Amino acid sequence: MKVTVKKKIPEISVVISTEFIKLQDAMKYANIVYSGGEAKQLILDEQVLVNGEVCTMRGKKLRPGDRFTFQGQTYLIAIHEHN
């Protein structure tokens, strides 16, 4: 019996200091895309998951604790803690 072990890719935190960030803006902020137009097309092409589900809403509001995944990499929305 052959067992295949897949390495889990660690999540990347996208730290925000606001209540929410829109999906296309989070993709730009995380340097996944160069423009909102590029993000829009990838989202409409169903290439982005939000909390494990395909999302086609580029204006989807992501709040701390939400995750989005693109090309196998997961990004966690985190809040910047002020001291």
PDB file of N, CA and C in Angstrom:
ATOM      1  N   MET A   1       0.832  -1.171   0.000  1.00  0.00           N
ATOM      2  CA  MET A   1       0.000   0.000   0.000  1.00  0.00           C
ATOM      3  C   MET A   1       0.883   1.242   0.000  1.00  0.00           C
ATOM      4  N   LYS A   2       0.666   2.096  -0.967  1.00  0.00           N
ATOM      5  CA  LYS A   2       1.450   3.322  -1.090  1.00  0.00           C
ATOM      6  C   LYS A   2       0.678   4.492  -0.481  1.00  0.00           C
ATOM      7  N   VAL A   3       1.358   5.231   0.364  1.00  0.00           N
ATOM      8  CA  VAL A   3       0.732   6.384   1.014  1.00  0.00           C
ATOM      9  C   VAL A   3       1.369   7.652   0.467  1.00  0.00           C
ATOM     10  N   THR A   4       0.536   8.582   0.026  1.00  0.00           N
ATOM     11  CA  THR A   4       1.021   9.864  -0.474  1.00  0.00           C
ATOM     12  C   THR A   4       0.766  10.928   0.579  1.00  0.00           C
ATOM     13  N   VAL A   5       1.805  11.654   0.916  1.00  0.00           N
ATOM     14  CA  VAL A   5       1.676  12.722   1.900  1.00  0.00           C
ATOM     15  C   VAL A   5       1.783  14.051   1.168  1.00  0.00           C
ATOM     16  N   LYS A   6       0.767  14.880   1.326  1.00  0.00           N
ATOM     17  CA  LYS A   6       0.794  16.200   0.712  1.00  0.00           C
ATOM     18  C   LYS A   6       1.211  17.213   1.755  1.00  0.00           C
ATOM     19  N   LYS A   7       2.140  18.069   1.374  1.00  0.00           N
ATOM     20  CA  LYS A   7       2.537  19.139   2.278  1.00  0.00           C
ATOM     21  C   LYS A   7       1.454  20.199   2.280  1.00  0.00           C
ATOM     22  N   LYS A   8       1.100  20.625   3.478  1.00  0.00           N
ATOM     23  CA  LYS A   8       0.108  21.688   3.586  1.00  0.00           C
ATOM     24  C   LYS A   8       0.823  23.022   3.412  1.00  0.00           C
ATOM     25  N   ILE A   9       0.299  23.827   2.509  1.00  0.00           N
ATOM     26  CA  ILE A   9       0.862  25.158   2.276  1.00  0.00           C
ATOM     27  C   ILE A   9       0.330  26.071   3.365  1.00  0.00           C
ATOM     28  N   PRO A  10       1.216  26.744   4.103  1.00  0.00           N
ATOM     29  CA  PRO A  10       0.719  27.621   5.170  1.00  0.00           C
ATOM     30  C   PRO A  10      -0.085  28.795   4.618  1.00  0.00           C
ATOM     31  N   GLU A  11      -1.052  29.228   5.406  1.00  0.00           N
ATOM     32  CA  GLU A  11      -1.854  30.389   5.024  1.00  0.00           C
ATOM     33  C   GLU A  11      -0.997  31.650   5.077  1.00  0.00           C
ATOM     34  N   ILE A  12      -1.351  32.591   4.254  1.00  0.00           N
ATOM     35  CA  ILE A  12      -0.720  33.906   4.272  1.00  0.00           C
ATOM     36  C   ILE A  12      -1.721  34.883   4.863  1.00  0.00           C
ATOM     37  N   SER A  13      -1.295  35.643   5.846  1.00  0.00           N
ATOM     38  CA  SER A  13      -2.195  36.613   6.471  1.00  0.00           C
ATOM     39  C   SER A  13      -2.245  37.901   5.659  1.00  0.00           C
ATOM     40  N   VAL A  14      -3.443  38.395   5.453  1.00  0.00           N
ATOM     41  CA  VAL A  14      -3.671  39.698   4.843  1.00  0.00           C
ATOM     42  C   VAL A  14      -4.208  40.562   5.976  1.00  0.00           C
ATOM     43  N   VAL A  15      -3.348  41.439   6.489  1.00  0.00           N
ATOM     44  CA  VAL A  15      -3.691  42.215   7.680  1.00  0.00           C
ATOM     45  C   VAL A  15      -4.345  43.534   7.278  1.00  0.00           C
ATOM     46  N   ILE A  16      -5.538  43.767   7.818  1.00  0.00           N
ATOM     47  CA  ILE A  16      -6.278  44.993   7.527  1.00  0.00           C
ATOM     48  C   ILE A  16      -6.512  45.761   8.827  1.00  0.00           C
ATOM     49  N   SER A  17      -6.769  47.042   8.695  1.00  0.00           N
ATOM     50  CA  SER A  17      -7.058  47.850   9.881  1.00  0.00           C
ATOM     51  C   SER A  17      -8.474  48.430   9.817  1.00  0.00           C
ATOM     52  N   THR A  18      -9.274  47.892   8.897  1.00  0.00           N
ATOM     53  CA  THR A  18     -10.651  48.340   8.730  1.00  0.00           C
ATOM     54  C   THR A  18     -11.589  47.184   9.075  1.00  0.00           C
ATOM     55  N   GLU A  19     -12.891  47.459   9.070  1.00  0.00           N
ATOM     56  CA  GLU A  19     -13.883  46.437   9.411  1.00  0.00           C
ATOM     57  C   GLU A  19     -13.904  45.299   8.383  1.00  0.00           C
ATOM     58  N   PHE A  20     -13.699  45.647   7.107  1.00  0.00           N
ATOM     59  CA  PHE A  20     -13.732  44.647   6.034  1.00  0.00           C
ATOM     60  C   PHE A  20     -12.873  45.130   4.876  1.00  0.00           C
ATOM     61  N   ILE A  21     -12.644  44.208   3.927  1.00  0.00           N
ATOM     62  CA  ILE A  21     -11.969  44.541   2.678  1.00  0.00           C
ATOM     63  C   ILE A  21     -12.692  43.780   1.579  1.00  0.00           C
ATOM     64  N   LYS A  22     -12.886  44.402   0.439  1.00  0.00           N
ATOM     65  CA  LYS A  22     -13.549  43.729  -0.681  1.00  0.00           C
ATOM     66  C   LYS A  22     -12.582  42.712  -1.288  1.00  0.00           C
ATOM     67  N   LEU A  23     -13.149  41.622  -1.805  1.00  0.00           N
ATOM     68  CA  LEU A  23     -12.345  40.526  -2.345  1.00  0.00           C
ATOM     69  C   LEU A  23     -11.337  41.007  -3.375  1.00  0.00           C
ATOM     70  N   GLN A  24     -11.765  41.795  -4.364  1.00  0.00           N
ATOM     71  CA  GLN A  24     -10.822  42.217  -5.400  1.00  0.00           C
ATOM     72  C   GLN A  24      -9.718  43.090  -4.812  1.00  0.00           C
ATOM     73  N   ASP A  25     -10.047  43.887  -3.792  1.00  0.00           N
ATOM     74  CA  ASP A  25      -9.043  44.725  -3.140  1.00  0.00           C
ATOM     75  C   ASP A  25      -8.073  43.870  -2.325  1.00  0.00           C
ATOM     76  N   ALA A  26      -8.590  42.812  -1.694  1.00  0.00           N
ATOM     77  CA  ALA A  26      -7.726  41.908  -0.929  1.00  0.00           C
ATOM     78  C   ALA A  26      -6.735  41.216  -1.865  1.00  0.00           C
ATOM     79  N   MET A  27      -7.187  40.864  -3.064  1.00  0.00           N
ATOM     80  CA  MET A  27      -6.296  40.219  -4.031  1.00  0.00           C
ATOM     81  C   MET A  27      -5.195  41.181  -4.476  1.00  0.00           C
ATOM     82  N   LYS A  28      -5.554  42.442  -4.661  1.00  0.00           N
ATOM     83  CA  LYS A  28      -4.537  43.445  -5.029  1.00  0.00           C
ATOM     84  C   LYS A  28      -3.588  43.682  -3.858  1.00  0.00           C
ATOM     85  N   TYR A  29      -4.129  43.817  -2.670  1.00  0.00           N
ATOM     86  CA  TYR A  29      -3.343  44.083  -1.462  1.00  0.00           C
ATOM     87  C   TYR A  29      -2.344  42.952  -1.188  1.00  0.00           C
ATOM     88  N   ALA A  30      -2.742  41.714  -1.509  1.00  0.00           N
ATOM     89  CA  ALA A  30      -1.882  40.549  -1.300  1.00  0.00           C
ATOM     90  C   ALA A  30      -0.910  40.329  -2.465  1.00  0.00           C
ATOM     91  N   ASN A  31      -0.911  41.250  -3.433  1.00  0.00           N
ATOM     92  CA  ASN A  31      -0.030  41.168  -4.609  1.00  0.00           C
ATOM     93  C   ASN A  31      -0.259  39.921  -5.462  1.00  0.00           C
ATOM     94  N   ILE A  32      -1.515  39.482  -5.518  1.00  0.00           N
ATOM     95  CA  ILE A  32      -1.874  38.345  -6.367  1.00  0.00           C
ATOM     96  C   ILE A  32      -2.107  38.838  -7.792  1.00  0.00           C
ATOM     97  N   VAL A  33      -2.669  40.026  -7.908  1.00  0.00           N
ATOM     98  CA  VAL A  33      -2.993  40.617  -9.207  1.00  0.00           C
ATOM     99  C   VAL A  33      -2.443  42.042  -9.244  1.00  0.00           C
ATOM    100  N   TYR A  34      -2.324  42.566 -10.456  1.00  0.00           N
ATOM    101  CA  TYR A  34      -1.822  43.933 -10.638  1.00  0.00           C
ATOM    102  C   TYR A  34      -2.937  44.967 -10.672  1.00  0.00           C
ATOM    103  N   SER A  35      -4.153  44.516 -11.055  1.00  0.00           N
ATOM    104  CA  SER A  35      -5.231  45.487 -11.220  1.00  0.00           C
ATOM    105  C   SER A  35      -6.569  44.894 -10.786  1.00  0.00           C
ATOM    106  N   GLY A  36      -7.515  45.790 -10.554  1.00  0.00           N
ATOM    107  CA  GLY A  36      -8.865  45.360 -10.236  1.00  0.00           C
ATOM    108  C   GLY A  36      -9.501  44.599 -11.384  1.00  0.00           C
ATOM    109  N   GLY A  37      -9.168  44.988 -12.608  1.00  0.00           N
ATOM    110  CA  GLY A  37      -9.698  44.302 -13.784  1.00  0.00           C
ATOM    111  C   GLY A  37      -9.237  42.855 -13.859  1.00  0.00           C
ATOM    112  N   GLU A  38      -7.974  42.635 -13.528  1.00  0.00           N
ATOM    113  CA  GLU A  38      -7.436  41.268 -13.513  1.00  0.00           C
ATOM    114  C   GLU A  38      -8.137  40.449 -12.426  1.00  0.00           C
ATOM    115  N   ALA A  39      -8.305  41.043 -11.241  1.00  0.00           N
ATOM    116  CA  ALA A  39      -9.002  40.359 -10.142  1.00  0.00           C
ATOM    117  C   ALA A  39     -10.434  40.030 -10.555  1.00  0.00           C
ATOM    118  N   LYS A  40     -11.110  40.999 -11.168  1.00  0.00           N
ATOM    119  CA  LYS A  40     -12.501  40.808 -11.599  1.00  0.00           C
ATOM    120  C   LYS A  40     -12.608  39.599 -12.522  1.00  0.00           C
ATOM    121  N   GLN A  41     -11.713  39.497 -13.487  1.00  0.00           N
ATOM    122  CA  GLN A  41     -11.785  38.396 -14.445  1.00  0.00           C
ATOM    123  C   GLN A  41     -11.557  37.050 -13.778  1.00  0.00           C
ATOM    124  N   LEU A  42     -10.574  36.973 -12.879  1.00  0.00           N
ATOM    125  CA  LEU A  42     -10.300  35.717 -12.178  1.00  0.00           C
ATOM    126  C   LEU A  42     -11.485  35.310 -11.306  1.00  0.00           C
ATOM    127  N   ILE A  43     -12.113  36.286 -10.663  1.00  0.00           N
ATOM    128  CA  ILE A  43     -13.268  36.007  -9.814  1.00  0.00           C
ATOM    129  C   ILE A  43     -14.443  35.536 -10.667  1.00  0.00           C
ATOM    130  N   LEU A  44     -14.709  36.234 -11.770  1.00  0.00           N
ATOM    131  CA  LEU A  44     -15.815  35.846 -12.653  1.00  0.00           C
ATOM    132  C   LEU A  44     -15.573  34.490 -13.304  1.00  0.00           C
ATOM    133  N   ASP A  45     -14.299  34.128 -13.492  1.00  0.00           N
ATOM    134  CA  ASP A  45     -13.950  32.822 -14.071  1.00  0.00           C
ATOM    135  C   ASP A  45     -13.986  31.701 -13.028  1.00  0.00           C
ATOM    136  N   GLU A  46     -14.502  32.011 -11.837  1.00  0.00           N
ATOM    137  CA  GLU A  46     -14.679  31.050 -10.747  1.00  0.00           C
ATOM    138  C   GLU A  46     -13.362  30.423 -10.296  1.00  0.00           C
ATOM    139  N   GLN A  47     -12.289  31.229 -10.289  1.00  0.00           N
ATOM    140  CA  GLN A  47     -10.975  30.729  -9.884  1.00  0.00           C
ATOM    141  C   GLN A  47     -10.646  31.057  -8.431  1.00  0.00           C
ATOM    142  N   VAL A  48     -11.577  31.716  -7.722  1.00  0.00           N
ATOM    143  CA  VAL A  48     -11.324  32.136  -6.347  1.00  0.00           C
ATOM    144  C   VAL A  48     -12.383  31.532  -5.426  1.00  0.00           C
ATOM    145  N   LEU A  49     -11.916  30.972  -4.311  1.00  0.00           N
ATOM    146  CA  LEU A  49     -12.812  30.443  -3.292  1.00  0.00           C
ATOM    147  C   LEU A  49     -12.822  31.398  -2.105  1.00  0.00           C
ATOM    148  N   VAL A  50     -13.972  31.575  -1.506  1.00  0.00           N
ATOM    149  CA  VAL A  50     -14.087  32.338  -0.266  1.00  0.00           C
ATOM    150  C   VAL A  50     -14.686  31.390   0.766  1.00  0.00           C
ATOM    151  N   ASN A  51     -13.944  31.174   1.835  1.00  0.00           N
ATOM    152  CA  ASN A  51     -14.361  30.247   2.888  1.00  0.00           C
ATOM    153  C   ASN A  51     -14.761  28.884   2.307  1.00  0.00           C
ATOM    154  N   GLY A  52     -13.968  28.421   1.325  1.00  0.00           N
ATOM    155  CA  GLY A  52     -14.155  27.089   0.756  1.00  0.00           C
ATOM    156  C   GLY A  52     -15.174  26.979  -0.356  1.00  0.00           C
ATOM    157  N   GLU A  53     -15.820  28.085  -0.730  1.00  0.00           N
ATOM    158  CA  GLU A  53     -16.849  28.053  -1.770  1.00  0.00           C
ATOM    159  C   GLU A  53     -16.474  28.994  -2.912  1.00  0.00           C
ATOM    160  N   VAL A  54     -16.798  28.599  -4.143  1.00  0.00           N
ATOM    161  CA  VAL A  54     -16.553  29.467  -5.288  1.00  0.00           C
ATOM    162  C   VAL A  54     -17.316  30.771  -5.085  1.00  0.00           C
ATOM    163  N   CYS A  55     -16.646  31.882  -5.328  1.00  0.00           N
ATOM    164  CA  CYS A  55     -17.277  33.191  -5.179  1.00  0.00           C
ATOM    165  C   CYS A  55     -17.100  33.972  -6.480  1.00  0.00           C
ATOM    166  N   THR A  56     -18.186  34.504  -7.011  1.00  0.00           N
ATOM    167  CA  THR A  56     -18.112  35.291  -8.241  1.00  0.00           C
ATOM    168  C   THR A  56     -18.437  36.760  -7.986  1.00  0.00           C
ATOM    169  N   MET A  57     -18.458  37.161  -6.715  1.00  0.00           N
ATOM    170  CA  MET A  57     -18.759  38.552  -6.359  1.00  0.00           C
ATOM    171  C   MET A  57     -17.453  39.264  -6.019  1.00  0.00           C
ATOM    172  N   ARG A  58     -16.992  40.117  -6.916  1.00  0.00           N
ATOM    173  CA  ARG A  58     -15.704  40.779  -6.666  1.00  0.00           C
ATOM    174  C   ARG A  58     -15.789  41.768  -5.511  1.00  0.00           C
ATOM    175  N   GLY A  59     -16.991  42.243  -5.213  1.00  0.00           N
ATOM    176  CA  GLY A  59     -17.177  43.179  -4.115  1.00  0.00           C
ATOM    177  C   GLY A  59     -17.513  42.488  -2.793  1.00  0.00           C
ATOM    178  N   LYS A  60     -17.370  41.160  -2.761  1.00  0.00           N
ATOM    179  CA  LYS A  60     -17.655  40.400  -1.541  1.00  0.00           C
ATOM    180  C   LYS A  60     -16.839  40.969  -0.391  1.00  0.00           C
ATOM    181  N   LYS A  61     -17.514  41.285   0.706  1.00  0.00           N
ATOM    182  CA  LYS A  61     -16.829  41.850   1.870  1.00  0.00           C
ATOM    183  C   LYS A  61     -16.207  40.727   2.691  1.00  0.00           C
ATOM    184  N   LEU A  62     -14.905  40.816   2.880  1.00  0.00           N
ATOM    185  CA  LEU A  62     -14.183  39.861   3.704  1.00  0.00           C
ATOM    186  C   LEU A  62     -13.867  40.524   5.040  1.00  0.00           C
ATOM    187  N   ARG A  63     -14.159  39.818   6.102  1.00  0.00           N
ATOM    188  CA  ARG A  63     -13.920  40.327   7.451  1.00  0.00           C
ATOM    189  C   ARG A  63     -12.860  39.460   8.125  1.00  0.00           C
ATOM    190  N   PRO A  64     -12.244  39.960   9.195  1.00  0.00           N
ATOM    191  CA  PRO A  64     -11.245  39.152   9.896  1.00  0.00           C
ATOM    192  C   PRO A  64     -11.784  37.749  10.211  1.00  0.00           C
ATOM    193  N   GLY A  65     -10.974  36.748   9.909  1.00  0.00           N
ATOM    194  CA  GLY A  65     -11.374  35.354  10.087  1.00  0.00           C
ATOM    195  C   GLY A  65     -11.790  34.696   8.790  1.00  0.00           C
ATOM    196  N   ASP A  66     -12.166  35.500   7.772  1.00  0.00           N
ATOM    197  CA  ASP A  66     -12.507  34.951   6.469  1.00  0.00           C
ATOM    198  C   ASP A  66     -11.228  34.526   5.747  1.00  0.00           C
ATOM    199  N   ARG A  67     -11.395  33.571   4.834  1.00  0.00           N
ATOM    200  CA  ARG A  67     -10.270  33.090   4.036  1.00  0.00           C
ATOM    201  C   ARG A  67     -10.664  33.097   2.563  1.00  0.00           C
ATOM    202  N   PHE A  68      -9.688  33.386   1.712  1.00  0.00           N
ATOM    203  CA  PHE A  68      -9.918  33.187   0.280  1.00  0.00           C
ATOM    204  C   PHE A  68      -8.743  32.413  -0.281  1.00  0.00           C
ATOM    205  N   THR A  69      -9.025  31.623  -1.315  1.00  0.00           N
ATOM    206  CA  THR A  69      -8.024  30.738  -1.897  1.00  0.00           C
ATOM    207  C   THR A  69      -7.931  30.992  -3.386  1.00  0.00           C
ATOM    208  N   PHE A  70      -6.692  31.087  -3.869  1.00  0.00           N
ATOM    209  CA  PHE A  70      -6.430  31.256  -5.294  1.00  0.00           C
ATOM    210  C   PHE A  70      -5.220  30.404  -5.648  1.00  0.00           C
ATOM    211  N   GLN A  71      -5.364  29.567  -6.659  1.00  0.00           N
ATOM    212  CA  GLN A  71      -4.302  28.676  -7.143  1.00  0.00           C
ATOM    213  C   GLN A  71      -3.675  27.866  -6.009  1.00  0.00           C
ATOM    214  N   GLY A  72      -4.514  27.336  -5.119  1.00  0.00           N
ATOM    215  CA  GLY A  72      -4.048  26.464  -4.055  1.00  0.00           C
ATOM    216  C   GLY A  72      -3.473  27.165  -2.834  1.00  0.00           C
ATOM    217  N   GLN A  73      -3.338  28.483  -2.889  1.00  0.00           N
ATOM    218  CA  GLN A  73      -2.816  29.248  -1.750  1.00  0.00           C
ATOM    219  C   GLN A  73      -3.979  29.906  -1.017  1.00  0.00           C
ATOM    220  N   THR A  74      -4.009  29.745   0.288  1.00  0.00           N
ATOM    221  CA  THR A  74      -5.072  30.330   1.103  1.00  0.00           C
ATOM    222  C   THR A  74      -4.547  31.561   1.833  1.00  0.00           C
ATOM    223  N   TYR A  75      -5.382  32.579   1.846  1.00  0.00           N
ATOM    224  CA  TYR A  75      -5.076  33.860   2.485  1.00  0.00           C
ATOM    225  C   TYR A  75      -6.088  34.095   3.595  1.00  0.00           C
ATOM    226  N   LEU A  76      -5.619  34.431   4.793  1.00  0.00           N
ATOM    227  CA  LEU A  76      -6.461  34.674   5.939  1.00  0.00           C
ATOM    228  C   LEU A  76      -6.553  36.176   6.188  1.00  0.00           C
ATOM    229  N   ILE A  77      -7.776  36.679   6.289  1.00  0.00           N
ATOM    230  CA  ILE A  77      -7.968  38.092   6.610  1.00  0.00           C
ATOM    231  C   ILE A  77      -7.810  38.243   8.126  1.00  0.00           C
ATOM    232  N   ALA A  78      -6.871  39.089   8.521  1.00  0.00           N
ATOM    233  CA  ALA A  78      -6.592  39.310   9.939  1.00  0.00           C
ATOM    234  C   ALA A  78      -6.664  40.799  10.237  1.00  0.00           C
ATOM    235  N   ILE A  79      -6.985  41.124  11.464  1.00  0.00           N
ATOM    236  CA  ILE A  79      -7.105  42.523  11.870  1.00  0.00           C
ATOM    237  C   ILE A  79      -5.789  42.977  12.478  1.00  0.00           C
ATOM    238  N   HIS A  80      -5.407  44.193  12.171  1.00  0.00           N
ATOM    239  CA  HIS A  80      -4.215  44.806  12.762  1.00  0.00           C
ATOM    240  C   HIS A  80      -4.591  45.283  14.154  1.00  0.00           C
ATOM    241  N   GLU A  81      -3.917  44.785  15.143  1.00  0.00           N
ATOM    242  CA  GLU A  81      -4.195  45.170  16.533  1.00  0.00           C
ATOM    243  C   GLU A  81      -3.456  46.458  16.848  1.00  0.00           C
ATOM    244  N   HIS A  82      -4.186  47.479  17.293  1.00  0.00           N
ATOM    245  CA  HIS A  82      -3.568  48.730  17.709  1.00  0.00           C
ATOM    246  C   HIS A  82      -3.159  48.640  19.161  1.00  0.00           C
ATOM    247  N   ASN A  83      -1.991  49.173  19.502  1.00  0.00           N
ATOM    248  CA  ASN A  83      -1.522  49.169  20.903  1.00  0.00           C
ATOM    249  C   ASN A  83      -1.870  50.453  21.585  1.00  0.00           C
TER     250      ASN A  83
END
